[in-house]
Amino acid sequence: MNSEKLYFSISEIADSFGVSTSLIRYWETEFSFLKPHKNSKGDRRFTKQNIEQLQLIYHLVKERGFTLEGAKNELKENKKRVQSLNSLSTKLNTIKSGLEELSKKL
């Protein structure tokens, strides 16, 4: 995603996570802390903070296999630990991509 943008559309978000827009809307109803801005037409505009929140939800539900209730409990009880693990996972994936690109150039 373009890091200079302030807001992202729901379709951009869904594409980046490889999920449907309806799943993003559903997560918005299930996780009270996820509140994207809405313009005058009611279109959702996601901030970088919203994207970080979605990354946490995605990590717990899609990558670790939590139920929605389990993910809510995990976030409530272990918010800092989950954020650290998600941040570490993101950094490791970035390093992996960089190493793969370097390997292709060699």
PDB file of N, CA and C in Angstrom:
ATOM      1  N   MET A   1       0.838  -1.193   0.000  1.00  0.00           N
ATOM      2  CA  MET A   1       0.000   0.000   0.000  1.00  0.00           C
ATOM      3  C   MET A   1       0.876   1.248   0.000  1.00  0.00           C
ATOM      4  N   ASN A   2       0.393   2.263  -0.639  1.00  0.00           N
ATOM      5  CA  ASN A   2       1.100   3.528  -0.692  1.00  0.00           C
ATOM      6  C   ASN A   2       1.165   4.137   0.704  1.00  0.00           C
ATOM      7  N   SER A   3       2.377   4.284   1.227  1.00  0.00           N
ATOM      8  CA  SER A   3       2.522   4.750   2.606  1.00  0.00           C
ATOM      9  C   SER A   3       2.267   6.250   2.761  1.00  0.00           C
ATOM     10  N   GLU A   4       2.157   6.992   1.659  1.00  0.00           N
ATOM     11  CA  GLU A   4       1.919   8.429   1.755  1.00  0.00           C
ATOM     12  C   GLU A   4       0.435   8.767   1.854  1.00  0.00           C
ATOM     13  N   LYS A   5      -0.421   7.838   1.525  1.00  0.00           N
ATOM     14  CA  LYS A   5      -1.858   8.083   1.600  1.00  0.00           C
ATOM     15  C   LYS A   5      -2.301   8.144   3.047  1.00  0.00           C
ATOM     16  N   LEU A   6      -3.294   8.978   3.308  1.00  0.00           N
ATOM     17  CA  LEU A   6      -3.853   9.067   4.656  1.00  0.00           C
ATOM     18  C   LEU A   6      -5.020   8.115   4.844  1.00  0.00           C
ATOM     19  N   TYR A   7      -5.790   7.887   3.785  1.00  0.00           N
ATOM     20  CA  TYR A   7      -6.973   7.040   3.859  1.00  0.00           C
ATOM     21  C   TYR A   7      -6.965   6.017   2.732  1.00  0.00           C
ATOM     22  N   PHE A   8      -7.530   4.856   3.029  1.00  0.00           N
ATOM     23  CA  PHE A   8      -7.615   3.773   2.059  1.00  0.00           C
ATOM     24  C   PHE A   8      -9.061   3.307   1.977  1.00  0.00           C
ATOM     25  N   SER A   9      -9.497   2.919   0.793  1.00  0.00           N
ATOM     26  CA  SER A   9     -10.870   2.445   0.609  1.00  0.00           C
ATOM     27  C   SER A   9     -10.987   1.010   1.111  1.00  0.00           C
ATOM     28  N   ILE A  10     -12.203   0.583   1.323  1.00  0.00           N
ATOM     29  CA  ILE A  10     -12.437  -0.778   1.806  1.00  0.00           C
ATOM     30  C   ILE A  10     -11.970  -1.803   0.768  1.00  0.00           C
ATOM     31  N   SER A  11     -12.103  -1.485  -0.515  1.00  0.00           N
ATOM     32  CA  SER A  11     -11.652  -2.436  -1.540  1.00  0.00           C
ATOM     33  C   SER A  11     -10.124  -2.552  -1.546  1.00  0.00           C
ATOM     34  N   GLU A  12      -9.416  -1.450  -1.309  1.00  0.00           N
ATOM     35  CA  GLU A  12      -7.958  -1.515  -1.207  1.00  0.00           C
ATOM     36  C   GLU A  12      -7.541  -2.375  -0.014  1.00  0.00           C
ATOM     37  N   ILE A  13      -8.240  -2.204   1.092  1.00  0.00           N
ATOM     38  CA  ILE A  13      -7.941  -2.965   2.303  1.00  0.00           C
ATOM     39  C   ILE A  13      -8.211  -4.445   2.069  1.00  0.00           C
ATOM     40  N   ALA A  14      -9.379  -4.748   1.527  1.00  0.00           N
ATOM     41  CA  ALA A  14      -9.743  -6.141   1.278  1.00  0.00           C
ATOM     42  C   ALA A  14      -8.739  -6.811   0.338  1.00  0.00           C
ATOM     43  N   ASP A  15      -8.347  -6.106  -0.726  1.00  0.00           N
ATOM     44  CA  ASP A  15      -7.366  -6.649  -1.669  1.00  0.00           C
ATOM     45  C   ASP A  15      -6.029  -6.919  -0.987  1.00  0.00           C
ATOM     46  N   SER A  16      -5.596  -5.999  -0.135  1.00  0.00           N
ATOM     47  CA  SER A  16      -4.288  -6.166   0.504  1.00  0.00           C
ATOM     48  C   SER A  16      -4.270  -7.357   1.467  1.00  0.00           C
ATOM     49  N   PHE A  17      -5.418  -7.678   2.073  1.00  0.00           N
ATOM     50  CA  PHE A  17      -5.504  -8.826   2.974  1.00  0.00           C
ATOM     51  C   PHE A  17      -5.964 -10.101   2.266  1.00  0.00           C
ATOM     52  N   GLY A  18      -6.415  -9.961   1.029  1.00  0.00           N
ATOM     53  CA  GLY A  18      -6.897 -11.125   0.292  1.00  0.00           C
ATOM     54  C   GLY A  18      -8.211 -11.660   0.833  1.00  0.00           C
ATOM     55  N   VAL A  19      -9.068 -10.743   1.292  1.00  0.00           N
ATOM     56  CA  VAL A  19     -10.384 -11.127   1.818  1.00  0.00           C
ATOM     57  C   VAL A  19     -11.452 -10.290   1.122  1.00  0.00           C
ATOM     58  N   SER A  20     -12.707 -10.607   1.383  1.00  0.00           N
ATOM     59  CA  SER A  20     -13.799  -9.861   0.768  1.00  0.00           C
ATOM     60  C   SER A  20     -14.094  -8.577   1.554  1.00  0.00           C
ATOM     61  N   THR A  21     -14.707  -7.623   0.883  1.00  0.00           N
ATOM     62  CA  THR A  21     -15.095  -6.383   1.562  1.00  0.00           C
ATOM     63  C   THR A  21     -16.153  -6.666   2.618  1.00  0.00           C
ATOM     64  N   SER A  22     -16.987  -7.675   2.369  1.00  0.00           N
ATOM     65  CA  SER A  22     -18.019  -8.000   3.364  1.00  0.00           C
ATOM     66  C   SER A  22     -17.390  -8.525   4.658  1.00  0.00           C
ATOM     67  N   LEU A  23     -16.270  -9.226   4.567  1.00  0.00           N
ATOM     68  CA  LEU A  23     -15.589  -9.703   5.773  1.00  0.00           C
ATOM     69  C   LEU A  23     -15.030  -8.514   6.571  1.00  0.00           C
ATOM     70  N   ILE A  24     -14.498  -7.536   5.877  1.00  0.00           N
ATOM     71  CA  ILE A  24     -13.986  -6.332   6.563  1.00  0.00           C
ATOM     72  C   ILE A  24     -15.141  -5.632   7.278  1.00  0.00           C
ATOM     73  N   ARG A  25     -16.283  -5.482   6.594  1.00  0.00           N
ATOM     74  CA  ARG A  25     -17.447  -4.857   7.226  1.00  0.00           C
ATOM     75  C   ARG A  25     -17.936  -5.671   8.422  1.00  0.00           C
ATOM     76  N   TYR A  26     -17.905  -6.990   8.306  1.00  0.00           N
ATOM     77  CA  TYR A  26     -18.325  -7.858   9.408  1.00  0.00           C
ATOM     78  C   TYR A  26     -17.387  -7.690  10.603  1.00  0.00           C
ATOM     79  N   TRP A  27     -16.084  -7.684  10.353  1.00  0.00           N
ATOM     80  CA  TRP A  27     -15.130  -7.480  11.449  1.00  0.00           C
ATOM     81  C   TRP A  27     -15.371  -6.135  12.123  1.00  0.00           C
ATOM     82  N   GLU A  28     -15.753  -5.145  11.328  1.00  0.00           N
ATOM     83  CA  GLU A  28     -16.038  -3.820  11.900  1.00  0.00           C
ATOM     84  C   GLU A  28     -17.195  -3.900  12.902  1.00  0.00           C
ATOM     85  N   THR A  29     -18.188  -4.733  12.615  1.00  0.00           N
ATOM     86  CA  THR A  29     -19.317  -4.867  13.550  1.00  0.00           C
ATOM     87  C   THR A  29     -18.935  -5.697  14.770  1.00  0.00           C
ATOM     88  N   GLU A  30     -18.007  -6.618  14.614  1.00  0.00           N
ATOM     89  CA  GLU A  30     -17.627  -7.515  15.707  1.00  0.00           C
ATOM     90  C   GLU A  30     -16.578  -6.929  16.649  1.00  0.00           C
ATOM     91  N   PHE A  31     -15.713  -6.082  16.156  1.00  0.00           N
ATOM     92  CA  PHE A  31     -14.631  -5.511  16.958  1.00  0.00           C
ATOM     93  C   PHE A  31     -14.904  -4.017  17.136  1.00  0.00           C
ATOM     94  N   SER A  32     -15.353  -3.659  18.316  1.00  0.00           N
ATOM     95  CA  SER A  32     -15.826  -2.290  18.571  1.00  0.00           C
ATOM     96  C   SER A  32     -14.732  -1.237  18.409  1.00  0.00           C
ATOM     97  N   PHE A  33     -13.470  -1.627  18.566  1.00  0.00           N
ATOM     98  CA  PHE A  33     -12.380  -0.653  18.442  1.00  0.00           C
ATOM     99  C   PHE A  33     -12.081  -0.305  16.984  1.00  0.00           C
ATOM    100  N   LEU A  34     -12.577  -1.085  16.050  1.00  0.00           N
ATOM    101  CA  LEU A  34     -12.342  -0.841  14.627  1.00  0.00           C
ATOM    102  C   LEU A  34     -13.413   0.109  14.096  1.00  0.00           C
ATOM    103  N   LYS A  35     -13.046   1.369  13.955  1.00  0.00           N
ATOM    104  CA  LYS A  35     -14.001   2.394  13.531  1.00  0.00           C
ATOM    105  C   LYS A  35     -13.388   3.261  12.426  1.00  0.00           C
ATOM    106  N   PRO A  36     -13.501   2.814  11.164  1.00  0.00           N
ATOM    107  CA  PRO A  36     -12.974   3.640  10.081  1.00  0.00           C
ATOM    108  C   PRO A  36     -13.804   4.914   9.918  1.00  0.00           C
ATOM    109  N   HIS A  37     -13.176   5.927   9.381  1.00  0.00           N
ATOM    110  CA  HIS A  37     -13.897   7.166   9.079  1.00  0.00           C
ATOM    111  C   HIS A  37     -14.859   6.900   7.930  1.00  0.00           C
ATOM    112  N   LYS A  38     -15.930   7.664   7.883  1.00  0.00           N
ATOM    113  CA  LYS A  38     -16.866   7.550   6.759  1.00  0.00           C
ATOM    114  C   LYS A  38     -17.044   8.944   6.157  1.00  0.00           C
ATOM    115  N   ASN A  39     -17.054   9.001   4.814  1.00  0.00           N
ATOM    116  CA  ASN A  39     -17.252  10.294   4.165  1.00  0.00           C
ATOM    117  C   ASN A  39     -18.744  10.604   4.100  1.00  0.00           C
ATOM    118  N   SER A  40     -19.091  11.696   3.452  1.00  0.00           N
ATOM    119  CA  SER A  40     -20.492  12.142   3.415  1.00  0.00           C
ATOM    120  C   SER A  40     -21.412  11.136   2.714  1.00  0.00           C
ATOM    121  N   LYS A  41     -20.843  10.308   1.821  1.00  0.00           N
ATOM    122  CA  LYS A  41     -21.634   9.285   1.145  1.00  0.00           C
ATOM    123  C   LYS A  41     -21.711   7.991   1.966  1.00  0.00           C
ATOM    124  N   GLY A  42     -20.978   7.939   3.070  1.00  0.00           N
ATOM    125  CA  GLY A  42     -20.978   6.740   3.902  1.00  0.00           C
ATOM    126  C   GLY A  42     -19.901   5.731   3.538  1.00  0.00           C
ATOM    127  N   ASP A  43     -19.030   6.103   2.585  1.00  0.00           N
ATOM    128  CA  ASP A  43     -17.933   5.210   2.211  1.00  0.00           C
ATOM    129  C   ASP A  43     -16.897   5.172   3.326  1.00  0.00           C
ATOM    130  N   ARG A  44     -16.427   3.974   3.640  1.00  0.00           N
ATOM    131  CA  ARG A  44     -15.424   3.823   4.682  1.00  0.00           C
ATOM    132  C   ARG A  44     -14.065   4.277   4.179  1.00  0.00           C
ATOM    133  N   ARG A  45     -13.345   4.981   5.043  1.00  0.00           N
ATOM    134  CA  ARG A  45     -11.981   5.423   4.761  1.00  0.00           C
ATOM    135  C   ARG A  45     -11.104   4.960   5.912  1.00  0.00           C
ATOM    136  N   PHE A  46     -10.218   4.016   5.627  1.00  0.00           N
ATOM    137  CA  PHE A  46      -9.391   3.411   6.656  1.00  0.00           C
ATOM    138  C   PHE A  46      -8.070   4.148   6.805  1.00  0.00           C
ATOM    139  N   THR A  47      -7.676   4.386   8.053  1.00  0.00           N
ATOM    140  CA  THR A  47      -6.401   5.028   8.360  1.00  0.00           C
ATOM    141  C   THR A  47      -5.340   3.949   8.581  1.00  0.00           C
ATOM    142  N   LYS A  48      -4.105   4.378   8.735  1.00  0.00           N
ATOM    143  CA  LYS A  48      -3.026   3.437   9.022  1.00  0.00           C
ATOM    144  C   LYS A  48      -3.272   2.734  10.355  1.00  0.00           C
ATOM    145  N   GLN A  49      -3.851   3.434  11.321  1.00  0.00           N
ATOM    146  CA  GLN A  49      -4.186   2.806  12.599  1.00  0.00           C
ATOM    147  C   GLN A  49      -5.233   1.715  12.397  1.00  0.00           C
ATOM    148  N   ASN A  50      -6.238   1.976  11.558  1.00  0.00           N
ATOM    149  CA  ASN A  50      -7.243   0.954  11.255  1.00  0.00           C
ATOM    150  C   ASN A  50      -6.595  -0.264  10.601  1.00  0.00           C
ATOM    151  N   ILE A  51      -5.628  -0.018   9.733  1.00  0.00           N
ATOM    152  CA  ILE A  51      -4.939  -1.122   9.050  1.00  0.00           C
ATOM    153  C   ILE A  51      -4.171  -1.963  10.067  1.00  0.00           C
ATOM    154  N   GLU A  52      -3.522  -1.314  11.028  1.00  0.00           N
ATOM    155  CA  GLU A  52      -2.823  -2.053  12.082  1.00  0.00           C
ATOM    156  C   GLU A  52      -3.816  -2.890  12.896  1.00  0.00           C
ATOM    157  N   GLN A  53      -4.983  -2.338  13.172  1.00  0.00           N
ATOM    158  CA  GLN A  53      -6.007  -3.082  13.900  1.00  0.00           C
ATOM    159  C   GLN A  53      -6.460  -4.294  13.089  1.00  0.00           C
ATOM    160  N   LEU A  54      -6.658  -4.090  11.792  1.00  0.00           N
ATOM    161  CA  LEU A  54      -7.065  -5.193  10.930  1.00  0.00           C
ATOM    162  C   LEU A  54      -5.970  -6.254  10.828  1.00  0.00           C
ATOM    163  N   GLN A  55      -4.707  -5.821  10.840  1.00  0.00           N
ATOM    164  CA  GLN A  55      -3.609  -6.788  10.814  1.00  0.00           C
ATOM    165  C   GLN A  55      -3.654  -7.690  12.046  1.00  0.00           C
ATOM    166  N   LEU A  56      -3.954  -7.110  13.198  1.00  0.00           N
ATOM    167  CA  LEU A  56      -4.066  -7.906  14.415  1.00  0.00           C
ATOM    168  C   LEU A  56      -5.210  -8.911  14.306  1.00  0.00           C
ATOM    169  N   ILE A  57      -6.361  -8.433  13.846  1.00  0.00           N
ATOM    170  CA  ILE A  57      -7.524  -9.311  13.695  1.00  0.00           C
ATOM    171  C   ILE A  57      -7.212 -10.420  12.695  1.00  0.00           C
ATOM    172  N   TYR A  58      -6.659 -10.051  11.559  1.00  0.00           N
ATOM    173  CA  TYR A  58      -6.325 -11.025  10.522  1.00  0.00           C
ATOM    174  C   TYR A  58      -5.350 -12.066  11.058  1.00  0.00           C
ATOM    175  N   HIS A  59      -4.319 -11.609  11.762  1.00  0.00           N
ATOM    176  CA  HIS A  59      -3.306 -12.513  12.309  1.00  0.00           C
ATOM    177  C   HIS A  59      -3.948 -13.544  13.237  1.00  0.00           C
ATOM    178  N   LEU A  60      -4.802 -13.075  14.130  1.00  0.00           N
ATOM    179  CA  LEU A  60      -5.417 -13.984  15.091  1.00  0.00           C
ATOM    180  C   LEU A  60      -6.414 -14.931  14.439  1.00  0.00           C
ATOM    181  N   VAL A  61      -7.268 -14.392  13.564  1.00  0.00           N
ATOM    182  CA  VAL A  61      -8.362 -15.190  13.001  1.00  0.00           C
ATOM    183  C   VAL A  61      -7.884 -16.067  11.833  1.00  0.00           C
ATOM    184  N   LYS A  62      -7.171 -15.497  10.905  1.00  0.00           N
ATOM    185  CA  LYS A  62      -6.801 -16.221   9.691  1.00  0.00           C
ATOM    186  C   LYS A  62      -5.501 -17.004   9.827  1.00  0.00           C
ATOM    187  N   GLU A  63      -4.512 -16.435  10.519  1.00  0.00           N
ATOM    188  CA  GLU A  63      -3.218 -17.096  10.601  1.00  0.00           C
ATOM    189  C   GLU A  63      -3.109 -18.030  11.801  1.00  0.00           C
ATOM    190  N   ARG A  64      -3.717 -17.651  12.920  1.00  0.00           N
ATOM    191  CA  ARG A  64      -3.610 -18.475  14.131  1.00  0.00           C
ATOM    192  C   ARG A  64      -4.857 -19.305  14.392  1.00  0.00           C
ATOM    193  N   GLY A  65      -5.925 -19.074  13.634  1.00  0.00           N
ATOM    194  CA  GLY A  65      -7.110 -19.915  13.718  1.00  0.00           C
ATOM    195  C   GLY A  65      -8.042 -19.643  14.891  1.00  0.00           C
ATOM    196  N   PHE A  66      -7.979 -18.458  15.464  1.00  0.00           N
ATOM    197  CA  PHE A  66      -8.874 -18.104  16.570  1.00  0.00           C
ATOM    198  C   PHE A  66     -10.298 -17.918  16.055  1.00  0.00           C
ATOM    199  N   THR A  67     -11.269 -18.220  16.905  1.00  0.00           N
ATOM    200  CA  THR A  67     -12.645 -17.820  16.622  1.00  0.00           C
ATOM    201  C   THR A  67     -12.723 -16.315  16.876  1.00  0.00           C
ATOM    202  N   LEU A  68     -13.806 -15.686  16.474  1.00  0.00           N
ATOM    203  CA  LEU A  68     -13.937 -14.248  16.736  1.00  0.00           C
ATOM    204  C   LEU A  68     -13.954 -13.973  18.230  1.00  0.00           C
ATOM    205  N   GLU A  69     -14.675 -14.786  18.993  1.00  0.00           N
ATOM    206  CA  GLU A  69     -14.710 -14.600  20.448  1.00  0.00           C
ATOM    207  C   GLU A  69     -13.323 -14.815  21.050  1.00  0.00           C
ATOM    208  N   GLY A  70     -12.632 -15.826  20.569  1.00  0.00           N
ATOM    209  CA  GLY A  70     -11.276 -16.087  21.051  1.00  0.00           C
ATOM    210  C   GLY A  70     -10.339 -14.935  20.735  1.00  0.00           C
ATOM    211  N   ALA A  71     -10.474 -14.372  19.540  1.00  0.00           N
ATOM    212  CA  ALA A  71      -9.648 -13.232  19.149  1.00  0.00           C
ATOM    213  C   ALA A  71      -9.952 -12.015  20.017  1.00  0.00           C
ATOM    214  N   LYS A  72     -11.232 -11.791  20.297  1.00  0.00           N
ATOM    215  CA  LYS A  72     -11.608 -10.663  21.168  1.00  0.00           C
ATOM    216  C   LYS A  72     -10.989 -10.826  22.547  1.00  0.00           C
ATOM    217  N   ASN A  73     -11.082 -12.031  23.104  1.00  0.00           N
ATOM    218  CA  ASN A  73     -10.502 -12.284  24.423  1.00  0.00           C
ATOM    219  C   ASN A  73      -8.989 -12.131  24.411  1.00  0.00           C
ATOM    220  N   GLU A  74      -8.354 -12.648  23.375  1.00  0.00           N
ATOM    221  CA  GLU A  74      -6.896 -12.540  23.259  1.00  0.00           C
ATOM    222  C   GLU A  74      -6.471 -11.084  23.178  1.00  0.00           C
ATOM    223  N   LEU A  75      -7.184 -10.299  22.401  1.00  0.00           N
ATOM    224  CA  LEU A  75      -6.857  -8.884  22.270  1.00  0.00           C
ATOM    225  C   LEU A  75      -7.062  -8.149  23.590  1.00  0.00           C
ATOM    226  N   LYS A  76      -8.124  -8.479  24.276  1.00  0.00           N
ATOM    227  CA  LYS A  76      -8.433  -7.816  25.536  1.00  0.00           C
ATOM    228  C   LYS A  76      -7.381  -8.148  26.595  1.00  0.00           C
ATOM    229  N   GLU A  77      -7.016  -9.410  26.701  1.00  0.00           N
ATOM    230  CA  GLU A  77      -6.127  -9.856  27.771  1.00  0.00           C
ATOM    231  C   GLU A  77      -4.649  -9.665  27.457  1.00  0.00           C
ATOM    232  N   ASN A  78      -4.308  -9.716  26.209  1.00  0.00           N
ATOM    233  CA  ASN A  78      -2.882  -9.713  25.851  1.00  0.00           C
ATOM    234  C   ASN A  78      -2.554  -8.733  24.734  1.00  0.00           C
ATOM    235  N   LYS A  79      -3.148  -7.563  24.787  1.00  0.00           N
ATOM    236  CA  LYS A  79      -3.027  -6.602  23.691  1.00  0.00           C
ATOM    237  C   LYS A  79      -1.575  -6.278  23.332  1.00  0.00           C
ATOM    238  N   LYS A  80      -0.768  -5.954  24.319  1.00  0.00           N
ATOM    239  CA  LYS A  80       0.621  -5.579  24.027  1.00  0.00           C
ATOM    240  C   LYS A  80       1.410  -6.750  23.457  1.00  0.00           C
ATOM    241  N   ARG A  81       1.203  -7.937  24.010  1.00  0.00           N
ATOM    242  CA  ARG A  81       1.931  -9.106  23.529  1.00  0.00           C
ATOM    243  C   ARG A  81       1.533  -9.424  22.092  1.00  0.00           C
ATOM    244  N   VAL A  82       0.251  -9.348  21.792  1.00  0.00           N
ATOM    245  CA  VAL A  82      -0.233  -9.623  20.446  1.00  0.00           C
ATOM    246  C   VAL A  82       0.318  -8.597  19.457  1.00  0.00           C
ATOM    247  N   GLN A  83       0.334  -7.326  19.859  1.00  0.00           N
ATOM    248  CA  GLN A  83       0.872  -6.285  18.977  1.00  0.00           C
ATOM    249  C   GLN A  83       2.351  -6.515  18.706  1.00  0.00           C
ATOM    250  N   SER A  84       3.098  -6.899  19.722  1.00  0.00           N
ATOM    251  CA  SER A  84       4.526  -7.168  19.544  1.00  0.00           C
ATOM    252  C   SER A  84       4.749  -8.345  18.605  1.00  0.00           C
ATOM    253  N   LEU A  85       3.975  -9.405  18.792  1.00  0.00           N
ATOM    254  CA  LEU A  85       4.101 -10.574  17.926  1.00  0.00           C
ATOM    255  C   LEU A  85       3.736 -10.236  16.488  1.00  0.00           C
ATOM    256  N   ASN A  86       2.684  -9.447  16.315  1.00  0.00           N
ATOM    257  CA  ASN A  86       2.274  -9.059  14.971  1.00  0.00           C
ATOM    258  C   ASN A  86       3.340  -8.181  14.316  1.00  0.00           C
ATOM    259  N   SER A  87       3.901  -7.260  15.092  1.00  0.00           N
ATOM    260  CA  SER A  87       4.955  -6.388  14.579  1.00  0.00           C
ATOM    261  C   SER A  87       6.179  -7.210  14.183  1.00  0.00           C
ATOM    262  N   LEU A  88       6.545  -8.162  15.019  1.00  0.00           N
ATOM    263  CA  LEU A  88       7.675  -9.031  14.720  1.00  0.00           C
ATOM    264  C   LEU A  88       7.409  -9.847  13.465  1.00  0.00           C
ATOM    265  N   SER A  89       6.201 -10.372  13.338  1.00  0.00           N
ATOM    266  CA  SER A  89       5.829 -11.147  12.163  1.00  0.00           C
ATOM    267  C   SER A  89       5.929 -10.298  10.894  1.00  0.00           C
ATOM    268  N   THR A  90       5.454  -9.066  10.961  1.00  0.00           N
ATOM    269  CA  THR A  90       5.526  -8.163   9.816  1.00  0.00           C
ATOM    270  C   THR A  90       6.974  -7.869   9.442  1.00  0.00           C
ATOM    271  N   LYS A  91       7.809  -7.591  10.437  1.00  0.00           N
ATOM    272  CA  LYS A  91       9.231  -7.312  10.182  1.00  0.00           C
ATOM    273  C   LYS A  91       9.928  -8.515   9.567  1.00  0.00           C
ATOM    274  N   LEU A  92       9.639  -9.708  10.097  1.00  0.00           N
ATOM    275  CA  LEU A  92      10.258 -10.916   9.552  1.00  0.00           C
ATOM    276  C   LEU A  92       9.827 -11.158   8.108  1.00  0.00           C
ATOM    277  N   ASN A  93       8.558 -10.909   7.798  1.00  0.00           N
ATOM    278  CA  ASN A  93       8.091 -11.064   6.420  1.00  0.00           C
ATOM    279  C   ASN A  93       8.771 -10.057   5.495  1.00  0.00           C
ATOM    280  N   THR A  94       9.010  -8.840   5.985  1.00  0.00           N
ATOM    281  CA  THR A  94       9.711  -7.825   5.193  1.00  0.00           C
ATOM    282  C   THR A  94      11.148  -8.267   4.927  1.00  0.00           C
ATOM    283  N   ILE A  95      11.807  -8.765   5.958  1.00  0.00           N
ATOM    284  CA  ILE A  95      13.183  -9.254   5.808  1.00  0.00           C
ATOM    285  C   ILE A  95      13.224 -10.417   4.826  1.00  0.00           C
ATOM    286  N   LYS A  96      12.265 -11.336   4.958  1.00  0.00           N
ATOM    287  CA  LYS A  96      12.199 -12.490   4.059  1.00  0.00           C
ATOM    288  C   LYS A  96      12.057 -12.033   2.613  1.00  0.00           C
ATOM    289  N   SER A  97      11.164 -11.072   2.380  1.00  0.00           N
ATOM    290  CA  SER A  97      10.960 -10.560   1.013  1.00  0.00           C
ATOM    291  C   SER A  97      12.241  -9.927   0.482  1.00  0.00           C
ATOM    292  N   GLY A  98      12.910  -9.155   1.347  1.00  0.00           N
ATOM    293  CA  GLY A  98      14.164  -8.525   0.939  1.00  0.00           C
ATOM    294  C   GLY A  98      15.236  -9.541   0.597  1.00  0.00           C
ATOM    295  N   LEU A  99      15.322 -10.597   1.391  1.00  0.00           N
ATOM    296  CA  LEU A  99      16.300 -11.647   1.126  1.00  0.00           C
ATOM    297  C   LEU A  99      15.964 -12.404  -0.166  1.00  0.00           C
ATOM    298  N   GLU A 100      14.674 -12.615  -0.403  1.00  0.00           N
ATOM    299  CA  GLU A 100      14.269 -13.292  -1.649  1.00  0.00           C
ATOM    300  C   GLU A 100      14.621 -12.434  -2.864  1.00  0.00           C
ATOM    301  N   GLU A 101      14.408 -11.121  -2.753  1.00  0.00           N
ATOM    302  CA  GLU A 101      14.773 -10.222  -3.858  1.00  0.00           C
ATOM    303  C   GLU A 101      16.279 -10.214  -4.070  1.00  0.00           C
ATOM    304  N   LEU A 102      17.033 -10.187  -3.003  1.00  0.00           N
ATOM    305  CA  LEU A 102      18.498 -10.209  -3.091  1.00  0.00           C
ATOM    306  C   LEU A 102      18.970 -11.501  -3.719  1.00  0.00           C
ATOM    307  N   SER A 103      18.343 -12.604  -3.334  1.00  0.00           N
ATOM    308  CA  SER A 103      18.703 -13.911  -3.888  1.00  0.00           C
ATOM    309  C   SER A 103      18.458 -13.951  -5.395  1.00  0.00           C
ATOM    310  N   LYS A 104      17.385 -13.325  -5.850  1.00  0.00           N
ATOM    311  CA  LYS A 104      17.077 -13.306  -7.283  1.00  0.00           C
ATOM    312  C   LYS A 104      18.123 -12.521  -8.067  1.00  0.00           C
ATOM    313  N   LYS A 105      18.689 -11.487  -7.435  1.00  0.00           N
ATOM    314  CA  LYS A 105      19.675 -10.635  -8.100  1.00  0.00           C
ATOM    315  C   LYS A 105      21.049 -11.300  -8.184  1.00  0.00           C
ATOM    316  N   LEU A 106      21.280 -12.284  -7.317  1.00  0.00           N
ATOM    317  CA  LEU A 106      22.602 -12.942  -7.301  1.00  0.00           C
ATOM    318  C   LEU A 106      22.752 -13.983  -8.345  1.00  0.00           C
TER     319      LEU A 106
END
